[in-house]
Amino acid sequence: MSKTLRSRLLVAILFASAVSLWAQTAPPTDLDAYVAKSMKTFEVPGMAVAIVKDGKIVVAKGYGVRKLGDPTPVDEHTMFGIASMTKAFTTAALATMVDAGKLSWDDPIYQRLPGFVMYDPYASHEVTIRDLLTHYNGMGGNQGDLLFSPPSTFTREEIIHKLRFMKPASSFRSRFGGGKVLLYLAAGQIIPAVTGISWDDYIRQHIFEPLGMNNSNVDNAEFKPGLNYSFPHERVDGKLQVIHFEKLDGVGPAGSINSCAADMAKWVQLQLNRGKFVDRDGRLFSEQQSKEMWSPQTILPIDDSPPPLAGLKPNFADEGLGWWLQDYHGRKLVGHAGGIGGFVSYVMLVPEENVGVVVLTNAEEDGAYDSILYHVLDYYLGLPPTDWIAAFKSVKDTQEKEAAETMKKTAGEHAADSKPSLPLDKYAGVYTDAWYGPITIRQENRGLIISFDRTPSMIGNLQHWQYDTFKAHWRDRTIEDAFVTFSLKPDGSIESARMAAVSPLADSSFDYQDLLLKPVEKK
């Protein structure tokens, strides 16, 4: 073989290798069209997508607009609320402290956070940092979320103090449970307790700055005119509209970060590189801590998926430290969703394939990000294409239809001709719940008004439903309506009141069912 022929052959081999490598790392060719279709189907004004493959950022891009009715486009630097995706940042911050020998995942909380007390004395003494992060603590569902959502005047310290009044749903470490926000708040507050640096500043100094996440912050109060940020959108009484920003500084470590596609891509690079910086020497956290955060801590129950999504049912599902763990077509997935008023998002890592995907949206449509996420995963895993947009839209339509039928049936069965047991003025007064505190019911214009004293936006009209049940119809229509049912003592006075969400599709953060309202005796 001649020298010239060998050279040509070598060039051909190198070119073929380069094409093969490009094919493995390049994003789906139909990504833009697929995102556009998802946005149109689910009516999402704006979205941002980031994809990292083999250590490289192959996509960091914005789509649509930041605000409905405003043509300003979303780009790779547009900030969105990432909500519970913040939890992985909090665990990463704690991991840096574990690496530094300042704490251990299994340190008892009372040793690190003075004054921390739970309802159960045994849990108060035994609960560890790991327990706070894995929802294996006895609390139920989204217990206590009304302390911060809708935005309240409670401080972080006040919220943590109120944990002692929250009766657990199960015994300590007996099953997967709740406290998903409040206990992450407590975990985050360990940082200032140990270092003297606030959680907010620690995240800025130890994560954002080293990674160059220059378009991320820890509080939407930092949004000023002229900055590049997206606005929250929600369907209110059937119409998509811009809503107010939900302020989450009170529970910052559990959900207050705002970020963009470009910055989240850097976060994904670090995660896939097991805590090591990709552009220079050094680490944010050790490989050992990366393994710990991605290791199963709590086994999660697995429910059957709706028929259109049957292919997504995992064989295992676990809780890591700030991450959810499950499988998909033989690969381990490491991810987490985020949801706050007007924003939903997802970050998903496939360590075996060295790929990570982030989808940020400015409307509360899970199907929009889910469909894009699995479309990208299927592409990189070499799976046959599935119309995930149609599948998730089908499930959404079914859920909404069933909820409408349930509410119609409930409305048809209630005793519309019944009357309250007492004159309206007898229901008025100040009530208190052991963990929330005061709630006031007052008479106004021959009707009743209910207000949550520490939650400024929770003011509504109490409309009689049947017997001693009223419906709280909130003036802020982003808040889920609730039934309020009064129980009477034998002498006819009010003993207590219970609440429950009206809609079967109400967000679980409206944990009305956990309240037990007792009338405050007038002095």
Protein backbone atom coordinates (compact mmCIF):
# COMPACT_ATOMS: atom_id res chain seq x y z
CA MET A 1 0.00 0.00 0.00
CA SER A 2 1.37 3.38 -1.00
CA LYS A 3 2.06 6.13 1.53
CA THR A 4 -0.60 8.31 -0.17
CA LEU A 5 -3.20 5.54 0.01
CA ARG A 6 -2.41 4.89 3.67
CA SER A 7 -2.82 8.62 4.41
CA ARG A 8 -6.17 8.72 2.62
CA LEU A 9 -7.33 5.63 4.49
CA LEU A 10 -6.28 7.15 7.81
CA VAL A 11 -8.18 10.36 7.01
CA ALA A 12 -11.26 8.32 6.07
CA ILE A 13 -11.08 6.38 9.33
CA LEU A 14 -10.70 9.57 11.37
CA PHE A 15 -13.59 11.18 9.49
CA ALA A 16 -15.81 8.14 10.07
CA SER A 17 -14.91 8.18 13.76
CA ALA A 18 -15.72 11.87 13.99
CA VAL A 19 -19.09 11.34 12.30
CA SER A 20 -19.85 8.46 14.67
CA LEU A 21 -18.92 10.56 17.70
CA TRP A 22 -21.04 13.46 16.42
CA ALA A 23 -23.99 11.13 15.94
CA GLN A 24 -23.68 9.99 19.54
CA THR A 25 -23.41 13.44 21.05
CA ALA A 26 -25.56 15.64 18.81
CA PRO A 27 -29.15 16.29 20.00
CA PRO A 28 -32.22 14.98 18.18
CA THR A 29 -32.57 16.68 14.80
CA ASP A 30 -36.27 17.26 15.45
CA LEU A 31 -35.77 18.82 18.90
CA ASP A 32 -36.94 22.32 17.93
CA ALA A 33 -40.04 21.00 16.20
CA TYR A 34 -40.83 18.65 19.08
CA VAL A 35 -40.51 21.44 21.66
CA ALA A 36 -42.72 23.71 19.56
CA LYS A 37 -45.37 20.98 19.31
CA SER A 38 -45.25 20.31 23.04
CA MET A 39 -45.59 24.02 23.85
CA LYS A 40 -48.58 24.34 21.51
CA THR A 41 -50.29 21.18 22.78
CA PHE A 42 -49.96 22.07 26.46
CA GLU A 43 -50.21 25.86 25.97
CA VAL A 44 -46.87 26.82 27.48
CA PRO A 45 -45.71 30.37 26.66
CA GLY A 46 -41.99 29.81 27.24
CA MET A 47 -39.50 27.02 27.76
CA ALA A 48 -35.76 26.41 27.99
CA VAL A 49 -33.90 23.15 27.31
CA ALA A 50 -30.37 22.06 28.13
CA ILE A 51 -28.70 18.80 27.11
CA VAL A 52 -25.27 17.60 28.25
CA LYS A 53 -23.65 14.60 26.56
CA ASP A 54 -20.22 13.17 27.29
CA GLY A 55 -19.24 16.23 29.28
CA LYS A 56 -20.22 18.69 26.54
CA ILE A 57 -23.13 21.12 26.52
CA VAL A 58 -24.81 20.24 23.22
CA VAL A 59 -27.97 22.27 23.79
CA ALA A 60 -28.72 25.33 25.91
CA LYS A 61 -31.60 27.11 24.26
CA GLY A 62 -34.78 29.07 24.89
CA TYR A 63 -38.15 28.82 23.17
CA GLY A 64 -41.24 30.99 23.16
CA VAL A 65 -41.72 34.10 25.27
CA ARG A 66 -41.00 35.11 28.84
CA LYS A 67 -44.45 36.59 29.39
CA LEU A 68 -47.80 36.01 27.71
CA GLY A 69 -48.66 39.03 25.57
CA ASP A 70 -45.05 40.26 25.48
CA PRO A 71 -42.85 39.27 22.49
CA THR A 72 -39.58 39.27 24.50
CA PRO A 73 -38.14 35.80 23.79
CA VAL A 74 -36.78 33.21 26.18
CA ASP A 75 -33.10 32.49 25.65
CA GLU A 76 -30.50 30.27 27.32
CA HIS A 77 -29.96 32.86 30.06
CA THR A 78 -33.64 33.43 30.97
CA MET A 79 -34.28 32.52 34.60
CA PHE A 80 -37.13 30.24 35.71
CA GLY A 81 -38.15 29.12 39.19
CA ILE A 82 -36.75 25.60 39.63
CA ALA A 83 -38.57 24.94 42.95
CA SER A 84 -37.77 21.49 44.41
CA MET A 85 -34.80 21.03 42.09
CA THR A 86 -33.23 23.35 44.70
CA LYS A 87 -33.04 20.38 47.07
CA ALA A 88 -30.10 18.86 45.19
CA PHE A 89 -28.22 22.14 45.64
CA THR A 90 -28.86 21.98 49.38
CA THR A 91 -27.60 18.40 49.60
CA ALA A 92 -24.54 19.34 47.52
CA ALA A 93 -23.83 22.19 49.94
CA LEU A 94 -24.11 19.76 52.85
CA ALA A 95 -21.84 17.34 50.99
CA THR A 96 -19.10 19.98 50.87
CA MET A 97 -19.38 20.24 54.66
CA VAL A 98 -19.21 16.45 55.03
CA ASP A 99 -16.05 16.45 52.90
CA ALA A 100 -14.62 19.17 55.14
CA GLY A 101 -15.32 17.10 58.26
CA LYS A 102 -17.75 19.65 59.64
CA LEU A 103 -20.63 17.18 59.86
CA SER A 104 -21.82 13.68 58.98
CA TRP A 105 -24.99 12.61 57.17
CA ASP A 106 -25.93 10.64 60.28
CA ASP A 107 -25.44 13.39 62.85
CA PRO A 108 -28.49 13.79 65.11
CA ILE A 109 -30.25 17.06 64.24
CA TYR A 110 -30.50 18.29 67.81
CA GLN A 111 -26.69 18.33 67.93
CA ARG A 112 -26.44 20.53 64.84
CA LEU A 113 -29.60 22.64 64.99
CA PRO A 114 -30.26 23.81 68.56
CA GLY A 115 -33.93 23.93 69.49
CA PHE A 116 -35.03 21.46 66.79
CA VAL A 117 -38.03 19.53 68.13
CA MET A 118 -40.58 17.25 66.45
CA TYR A 119 -43.97 16.11 67.75
CA ASP A 120 -42.61 12.68 68.68
CA PRO A 121 -39.95 12.94 71.46
CA TYR A 122 -38.22 9.80 70.17
CA ALA A 123 -37.96 11.28 66.67
CA SER A 124 -36.69 14.57 68.10
CA HIS A 125 -33.75 12.74 69.66
CA GLU A 126 -33.06 10.22 66.90
CA VAL A 127 -33.72 12.09 63.64
CA THR A 128 -30.55 12.63 61.60
CA ILE A 129 -29.59 14.82 58.67
CA ARG A 130 -30.14 11.79 56.42
CA ASP A 131 -33.68 11.38 57.79
CA LEU A 132 -34.53 14.98 56.94
CA LEU A 133 -33.43 14.48 53.35
CA THR A 134 -35.15 11.16 52.62
CA HIS A 135 -38.75 11.65 53.84
CA TYR A 136 -38.47 8.73 56.22
CA ASN A 137 -39.52 10.68 59.26
CA GLY A 138 -43.17 9.98 60.02
CA MET A 139 -44.65 13.17 58.57
CA GLY A 140 -47.46 12.91 56.06
CA GLY A 141 -47.76 14.10 52.47
CA ASN A 142 -47.11 17.81 52.10
CA GLN A 143 -47.82 18.40 55.76
CA GLY A 144 -47.26 21.99 56.79
CA ASP A 145 -47.00 23.46 53.29
CA LEU A 146 -49.63 26.07 54.15
CA LEU A 147 -46.98 27.70 56.33
CA PHE A 148 -45.25 29.02 53.20
CA SER A 149 -47.55 28.49 50.20
CA PRO A 150 -49.33 30.75 49.40
CA PRO A 151 -46.61 33.15 50.59
CA SER A 152 -46.85 33.83 54.31
CA THR A 153 -45.20 36.07 56.88
CA PHE A 154 -43.60 33.14 58.74
CA THR A 155 -39.80 33.21 58.99
CA ARG A 156 -37.59 30.15 58.53
CA GLU A 157 -37.07 29.96 62.28
CA GLU A 158 -40.81 30.16 62.98
CA ILE A 159 -41.57 27.41 60.47
CA ILE A 160 -39.00 25.05 61.97
CA HIS A 161 -40.34 25.82 65.46
CA LYS A 162 -43.82 24.72 64.34
CA LEU A 163 -42.65 21.20 63.49
CA ARG A 164 -43.18 20.29 67.15
CA PHE A 165 -46.94 20.80 66.74
CA MET A 166 -47.38 18.59 63.66
CA LYS A 167 -48.77 15.21 64.58
CA PRO A 168 -47.03 12.52 62.49
CA ALA A 169 -48.90 10.40 59.98
CA SER A 170 -46.89 7.30 60.87
CA SER A 171 -44.29 6.16 63.36
CA PHE A 172 -40.71 7.31 62.90
CA ARG A 173 -38.85 5.55 60.05
CA SER A 174 -41.77 3.18 59.41
CA ARG A 175 -42.57 4.24 55.84
CA PHE A 176 -41.99 6.82 53.14
CA GLY A 177 -43.80 10.00 54.08
CA GLY A 178 -43.72 13.75 53.85
CA GLY A 179 -42.26 16.90 55.31
CA LYS A 180 -40.69 17.28 51.87
CA VAL A 181 -40.31 21.02 52.18
CA LEU A 182 -40.20 21.77 55.89
CA LEU A 183 -37.54 19.20 56.70
CA TYR A 184 -35.37 20.29 53.77
CA LEU A 185 -35.66 23.77 55.22
CA ALA A 186 -34.39 22.41 58.54
CA ALA A 187 -31.53 20.63 56.76
CA GLY A 188 -30.57 23.85 55.00
CA GLN A 189 -30.58 25.77 58.26
CA ILE A 190 -27.87 23.45 59.54
CA ILE A 191 -25.50 25.35 57.24
CA PRO A 192 -25.68 28.70 59.12
CA ALA A 193 -25.83 26.84 62.44
CA VAL A 194 -22.47 25.18 61.70
CA THR A 195 -20.69 27.74 59.50
CA GLY A 196 -22.22 31.07 60.49
CA ILE A 197 -22.96 31.68 56.78
CA SER A 198 -26.58 31.83 55.64
CA TRP A 199 -27.85 29.13 53.29
CA ASP A 200 -28.35 31.82 50.66
CA ASP A 201 -24.75 33.06 50.80
CA TYR A 202 -23.33 29.55 51.03
CA ILE A 203 -25.10 28.54 47.81
CA ARG A 204 -23.83 31.69 46.07
CA GLN A 205 -20.24 31.32 47.31
CA HIS A 206 -19.79 27.55 47.20
CA ILE A 207 -21.90 26.52 44.17
CA PHE A 208 -22.93 29.39 41.90
CA GLU A 209 -19.58 31.19 41.87
CA PRO A 210 -17.31 28.14 41.40
CA LEU A 211 -19.53 26.86 38.57
CA GLY A 212 -19.95 30.25 36.92
CA MET A 213 -23.72 30.11 37.32
CA ASN A 214 -23.95 33.86 36.81
CA ASN A 215 -27.63 33.93 35.86
CA SER A 216 -28.97 32.13 38.92
CA ASN A 217 -30.18 33.43 42.27
CA VAL A 218 -31.76 32.20 45.48
CA ASP A 219 -34.77 34.54 45.70
CA ASN A 220 -37.11 36.01 43.08
CA ALA A 221 -37.07 39.22 45.12
CA GLU A 222 -33.77 39.76 43.29
CA PHE A 223 -35.66 40.11 39.99
CA LYS A 224 -35.48 43.73 38.90
CA PRO A 225 -36.74 45.44 35.71
CA GLY A 226 -34.33 44.79 32.89
CA LEU A 227 -33.13 41.42 34.13
CA ASN A 228 -33.64 38.33 32.00
CA TYR A 229 -36.33 36.32 33.77
CA SER A 230 -39.52 34.51 32.90
CA PHE A 231 -42.94 35.19 34.40
CA PRO A 232 -45.15 32.52 36.00
CA HIS A 233 -48.35 31.43 34.25
CA GLU A 234 -51.30 29.42 35.45
CA ARG A 235 -54.72 28.46 34.18
CA VAL A 236 -57.13 30.44 36.37
CA ASP A 237 -60.84 29.62 35.98
CA GLY A 238 -60.01 27.99 32.65
CA LYS A 239 -57.88 30.79 31.19
CA LEU A 240 -54.07 30.86 31.01
CA GLN A 241 -52.74 34.07 32.49
CA VAL A 242 -49.74 35.65 34.17
CA ILE A 243 -49.84 35.26 37.95
CA HIS A 244 -47.85 36.79 40.78
CA PHE A 245 -44.45 35.39 41.73
CA GLU A 246 -44.66 32.98 44.65
CA LYS A 247 -42.15 34.11 47.24
CA LEU A 248 -40.31 31.16 48.78
CA ASP A 249 -37.52 32.78 50.77
CA GLY A 250 -39.11 31.38 53.95
CA VAL A 251 -38.26 27.85 52.80
CA GLY A 252 -35.30 28.72 50.57
CA PRO A 253 -33.30 25.48 50.98
CA ALA A 254 -36.27 23.47 49.69
CA GLY A 255 -37.22 25.47 46.63
CA SER A 256 -36.31 29.13 46.10
CA ILE A 257 -33.58 28.95 43.43
CA ASN A 258 -34.11 30.53 40.00
CA SER A 259 -31.86 29.42 37.15
CA CYS A 260 -31.56 29.17 33.38
CA ALA A 261 -30.69 26.57 30.75
CA ALA A 262 -27.06 27.69 30.42
CA ASP A 263 -26.42 27.58 34.16
CA MET A 264 -28.30 24.33 34.74
CA ALA A 265 -26.19 22.74 31.99
CA LYS A 266 -23.08 23.57 34.07
CA TRP A 267 -24.77 22.00 37.11
CA VAL A 268 -25.50 18.84 35.09
CA GLN A 269 -21.89 18.70 33.86
CA LEU A 270 -20.67 18.77 37.45
CA GLN A 271 -23.12 16.07 38.53
CA LEU A 272 -22.26 13.72 35.67
CA ASN A 273 -18.57 14.32 36.42
CA ARG A 274 -19.18 13.15 40.02
CA GLY A 275 -18.46 16.52 41.63
CA LYS A 276 -15.32 17.32 39.64
CA PHE A 277 -15.12 20.54 37.64
CA VAL A 278 -15.06 19.89 33.89
CA ASP A 279 -13.04 22.95 32.89
CA ARG A 280 -10.30 22.94 35.50
CA ASP A 281 -8.73 20.98 38.32
CA GLY A 282 -10.57 20.66 41.60
CA ARG A 283 -13.85 19.46 42.95
CA LEU A 284 -17.02 20.89 44.43
CA PHE A 285 -17.61 17.65 46.35
CA SER A 286 -15.93 14.25 46.42
CA GLU A 287 -16.81 11.23 44.33
CA GLN A 288 -17.70 9.47 47.57
CA GLN A 289 -20.37 12.11 48.33
CA SER A 290 -21.65 11.91 44.76
CA LYS A 291 -22.13 8.19 45.24
CA GLU A 292 -23.86 8.78 48.59
CA MET A 293 -26.30 11.30 47.12
CA TRP A 294 -27.15 8.92 44.27
CA SER A 295 -27.52 5.84 46.49
CA PRO A 296 -30.95 4.51 47.51
CA GLN A 297 -31.93 5.73 50.96
CA THR A 298 -35.69 5.11 51.01
CA ILE A 299 -37.68 2.62 48.95
CA LEU A 300 -40.62 4.31 47.22
CA PRO A 301 -43.94 2.68 46.37
CA ILE A 302 -44.53 2.00 42.67
CA ASP A 303 -48.04 2.55 41.35
CA ASP A 304 -49.39 1.37 38.01
CA SER A 305 -49.02 3.96 35.28
CA PRO A 306 -52.01 5.03 33.16
CA PRO A 307 -52.20 2.88 29.99
CA PRO A 308 -50.69 5.52 27.63
CA LEU A 309 -47.68 5.75 29.97
CA ALA A 310 -47.32 2.06 30.81
CA GLY A 311 -43.83 2.02 29.32
CA LEU A 312 -42.61 4.44 31.99
CA LYS A 313 -43.39 2.18 34.94
CA PRO A 314 -40.06 1.50 36.67
CA ASN A 315 -38.83 -1.73 38.24
CA PHE A 316 -37.43 0.20 41.19
CA ALA A 317 -37.93 3.66 42.66
CA ASP A 318 -35.92 5.09 45.52
CA GLU A 319 -35.16 8.36 47.25
CA GLY A 320 -31.53 9.47 47.26
CA LEU A 321 -30.23 12.63 48.93
CA GLY A 322 -31.88 15.41 46.97
CA TRP A 323 -32.51 13.09 44.00
CA TRP A 324 -35.10 10.55 42.87
CA LEU A 325 -33.75 7.25 41.56
CA GLN A 326 -35.47 4.84 39.19
CA ASP A 327 -34.84 2.82 36.04
CA TYR A 328 -35.82 3.19 32.41
CA HIS A 329 -35.07 0.47 29.84
CA GLY A 330 -32.29 -0.96 31.96
CA ARG A 331 -30.61 2.33 32.82
CA LYS A 332 -30.55 4.03 36.17
CA LEU A 333 -32.11 7.50 36.13
CA VAL A 334 -31.17 10.20 38.63
CA GLY A 335 -33.52 13.16 38.58
CA HIS A 336 -35.89 15.55 40.26
CA ALA A 337 -38.89 17.65 39.33
CA GLY A 338 -39.68 21.14 40.51
CA GLY A 339 -43.02 22.88 40.82
CA ILE A 340 -43.94 26.33 42.12
CA GLY A 341 -46.83 28.64 41.24
CA GLY A 342 -46.52 29.23 37.50
CA PHE A 343 -43.39 27.13 36.88
CA VAL A 344 -42.65 23.40 36.51
CA SER A 345 -39.34 21.85 35.51
CA TYR A 346 -37.24 18.69 35.49
CA VAL A 347 -33.61 17.62 35.52
CA MET A 348 -32.77 14.05 34.54
CA LEU A 349 -29.39 12.32 34.45
CA VAL A 350 -28.51 8.96 32.88
CA PRO A 351 -25.04 8.31 34.33
CA GLU A 352 -24.40 5.13 32.29
CA GLU A 353 -24.91 7.06 29.05
CA ASN A 354 -23.23 10.23 30.39
CA VAL A 355 -26.24 12.29 29.38
CA GLY A 356 -28.33 14.85 31.25
CA VAL A 357 -31.44 16.80 30.27
CA VAL A 358 -33.03 19.91 31.79
CA VAL A 359 -36.42 21.30 30.80
CA LEU A 360 -37.70 24.56 32.33
CA THR A 361 -41.20 25.91 31.70
CA ASN A 362 -43.24 28.96 32.68
CA ALA A 363 -46.63 27.23 32.98
CA GLU A 364 -47.89 24.44 35.23
CA GLU A 365 -47.98 21.68 32.62
CA ASP A 366 -46.04 18.56 33.64
CA GLY A 367 -46.79 16.87 30.32
CA ALA A 368 -44.88 19.59 28.47
CA TYR A 369 -41.55 18.84 30.13
CA ASP A 370 -42.15 15.10 30.51
CA SER A 371 -42.80 14.59 26.80
CA ILE A 372 -39.62 16.42 25.80
CA LEU A 373 -37.56 14.68 28.46
CA TYR A 374 -38.49 11.17 27.34
CA HIS A 375 -38.20 12.08 23.67
CA VAL A 376 -34.58 13.08 24.29
CA LEU A 377 -33.86 10.03 26.46
CA ASP A 378 -35.30 7.67 23.84
CA TYR A 379 -33.04 9.25 21.23
CA TYR A 380 -29.85 8.80 23.24
CA LEU A 381 -30.81 5.30 24.36
CA GLY A 382 -31.51 4.26 20.77
CA LEU A 383 -35.15 3.37 21.45
CA PRO A 384 -37.98 3.42 18.90
CA PRO A 385 -39.72 6.82 18.92
CA THR A 386 -42.90 7.22 20.97
CA ASP A 387 -45.37 10.07 20.63
CA TRP A 388 -44.99 11.17 24.24
CA ILE A 389 -46.83 14.42 23.58
CA ALA A 390 -49.98 12.51 22.62
CA ALA A 391 -49.52 10.08 25.53
CA PHE A 392 -49.19 12.75 28.23
CA LYS A 393 -51.97 14.84 26.68
CA SER A 394 -54.26 11.81 26.74
CA VAL A 395 -53.57 11.24 30.45
CA LYS A 396 -54.17 14.91 31.22
CA ASP A 397 -57.48 14.95 29.35
CA THR A 398 -58.63 11.82 31.17
CA GLN A 399 -57.71 13.23 34.59
CA GLU A 400 -59.48 16.51 33.91
CA LYS A 401 -62.57 14.72 32.62
CA GLU A 402 -62.73 12.45 35.68
CA ALA A 403 -62.22 15.40 38.04
CA ALA A 404 -65.01 17.37 36.33
CA GLU A 405 -67.34 14.38 36.62
CA THR A 406 -66.48 13.96 40.31
CA MET A 407 -67.16 17.62 41.06
CA LYS A 408 -70.39 17.52 39.06
CA LYS A 409 -71.52 14.46 41.01
CA THR A 410 -70.59 16.11 44.32
CA ALA A 411 -72.52 19.24 43.38
CA GLY A 412 -75.54 17.18 42.34
CA GLU A 413 -75.62 15.19 45.55
CA HIS A 414 -75.30 18.02 48.05
CA ALA A 415 -78.42 19.10 49.92
CA ALA A 416 -78.89 22.52 48.36
CA ASP A 417 -82.06 23.16 50.35
CA SER A 418 -80.40 22.54 53.73
CA LYS A 419 -79.56 25.34 56.14
CA PRO A 420 -76.79 25.95 58.66
CA SER A 421 -77.51 24.76 62.20
CA LEU A 422 -76.61 28.16 63.64
CA PRO A 423 -77.09 31.83 62.75
CA LEU A 424 -74.14 33.02 60.66
CA ASP A 425 -72.78 35.24 63.43
CA LYS A 426 -72.25 32.14 65.59
CA TYR A 427 -69.67 30.81 63.10
CA ALA A 428 -67.70 34.06 63.22
CA GLY A 429 -64.69 34.36 65.48
CA VAL A 430 -61.00 33.55 65.75
CA TYR A 431 -59.96 29.92 65.30
CA THR A 432 -56.52 28.47 65.78
CA ASP A 433 -54.68 25.42 64.52
CA ALA A 434 -51.86 23.91 66.57
CA TRP A 435 -49.26 24.37 63.83
CA TYR A 436 -50.63 27.09 61.55
CA GLY A 437 -51.99 29.47 64.17
CA PRO A 438 -54.88 31.94 63.86
CA ILE A 439 -57.58 31.89 61.19
CA THR A 440 -60.38 34.46 61.38
CA ILE A 441 -63.99 34.16 60.26
CA ARG A 442 -66.03 37.34 60.30
CA GLN A 443 -69.40 38.57 59.11
CA GLU A 444 -69.50 40.97 56.19
CA ASN A 445 -72.52 42.08 54.15
CA ARG A 446 -74.73 39.29 55.50
CA GLY A 447 -72.12 36.70 54.61
CA LEU A 448 -68.99 35.16 56.11
CA ILE A 449 -65.38 35.93 55.24
CA ILE A 450 -62.48 33.61 56.10
CA SER A 451 -58.87 34.74 56.29
CA PHE A 452 -55.60 33.05 57.22
CA ASP A 453 -53.98 35.64 59.46
CA ARG A 454 -50.34 34.92 58.44
CA THR A 455 -51.10 34.42 54.74
CA PRO A 456 -52.13 37.79 53.25
CA SER A 457 -53.64 36.43 50.02
CA MET A 458 -55.85 33.82 51.70
CA ILE A 459 -59.05 35.81 52.04
CA GLY A 460 -62.27 34.30 50.73
CA ASN A 461 -66.02 34.21 50.91
CA LEU A 462 -67.57 31.34 52.87
CA GLN A 463 -70.45 30.19 50.70
CA HIS A 464 -72.94 27.84 52.31
CA TRP A 465 -72.71 24.38 50.78
CA GLN A 466 -74.91 22.15 52.92
CA TYR A 467 -75.74 21.71 56.60
CA ASP A 468 -72.67 22.96 58.51
CA THR A 469 -70.32 22.82 55.54
CA PHE A 470 -69.29 25.96 53.69
CA LYS A 471 -67.05 26.46 50.67
CA ALA A 472 -64.15 28.89 50.93
CA HIS A 473 -64.05 30.67 47.56
CA TRP A 474 -60.76 32.56 47.61
CA ARG A 475 -60.52 36.01 46.07
CA ASP A 476 -57.08 35.09 44.77
CA ARG A 477 -58.15 32.52 42.19
CA THR A 478 -54.72 30.84 42.12
CA ILE A 479 -55.60 29.34 45.52
CA GLU A 480 -57.56 26.08 45.55
CA ASP A 481 -61.08 26.36 46.99
CA ALA A 482 -61.77 24.40 50.16
CA PHE A 483 -64.70 22.96 52.07
CA VAL A 484 -64.96 24.06 55.71
CA THR A 485 -67.05 21.76 57.90
CA PHE A 486 -67.99 22.73 61.46
CA SER A 487 -68.63 20.22 64.26
CA LEU A 488 -70.92 21.18 67.12
CA LYS A 489 -70.92 20.34 70.80
CA PRO A 490 -74.09 18.95 72.46
CA ASP A 491 -74.97 22.48 73.62
CA GLY A 492 -74.90 23.76 70.04
CA SER A 493 -71.66 25.70 70.27
CA ILE A 494 -68.84 25.05 67.80
CA GLU A 495 -66.31 22.44 68.83
CA SER A 496 -64.00 22.49 65.79
CA ALA A 497 -63.76 22.89 62.02
CA ARG A 498 -62.06 20.78 59.38
CA MET A 499 -61.07 21.67 55.82
CA ALA A 500 -60.65 19.74 52.57
CA ALA A 501 -59.84 20.71 48.99
CA VAL A 502 -62.84 20.93 46.66
CA SER A 503 -61.15 19.71 43.47
CA PRO A 504 -59.62 16.22 43.14
CA LEU A 505 -56.85 17.89 41.12
CA ALA A 506 -55.94 20.41 43.83
CA ASP A 507 -52.21 20.74 44.35
CA SER A 508 -51.10 18.70 47.35
CA SER A 509 -49.40 21.76 48.82
CA PHE A 510 -52.85 22.92 49.87
CA ASP A 511 -52.79 20.55 52.84
CA TYR A 512 -56.13 21.72 54.24
CA GLN A 513 -56.83 18.23 55.58
CA ASP A 514 -54.05 18.60 58.16
CA LEU A 515 -55.73 21.55 59.87
CA LEU A 516 -57.88 21.17 62.98
CA LEU A 517 -59.41 24.54 63.79
CA LYS A 518 -60.48 25.20 67.36
CA PRO A 519 -62.41 28.33 68.37
CA VAL A 520 -60.44 30.69 70.56
CA GLU A 521 -62.39 31.48 73.71
CA LYS A 522 -63.28 35.13 73.98
CA LYS A 523 -61.91 36.81 77.08
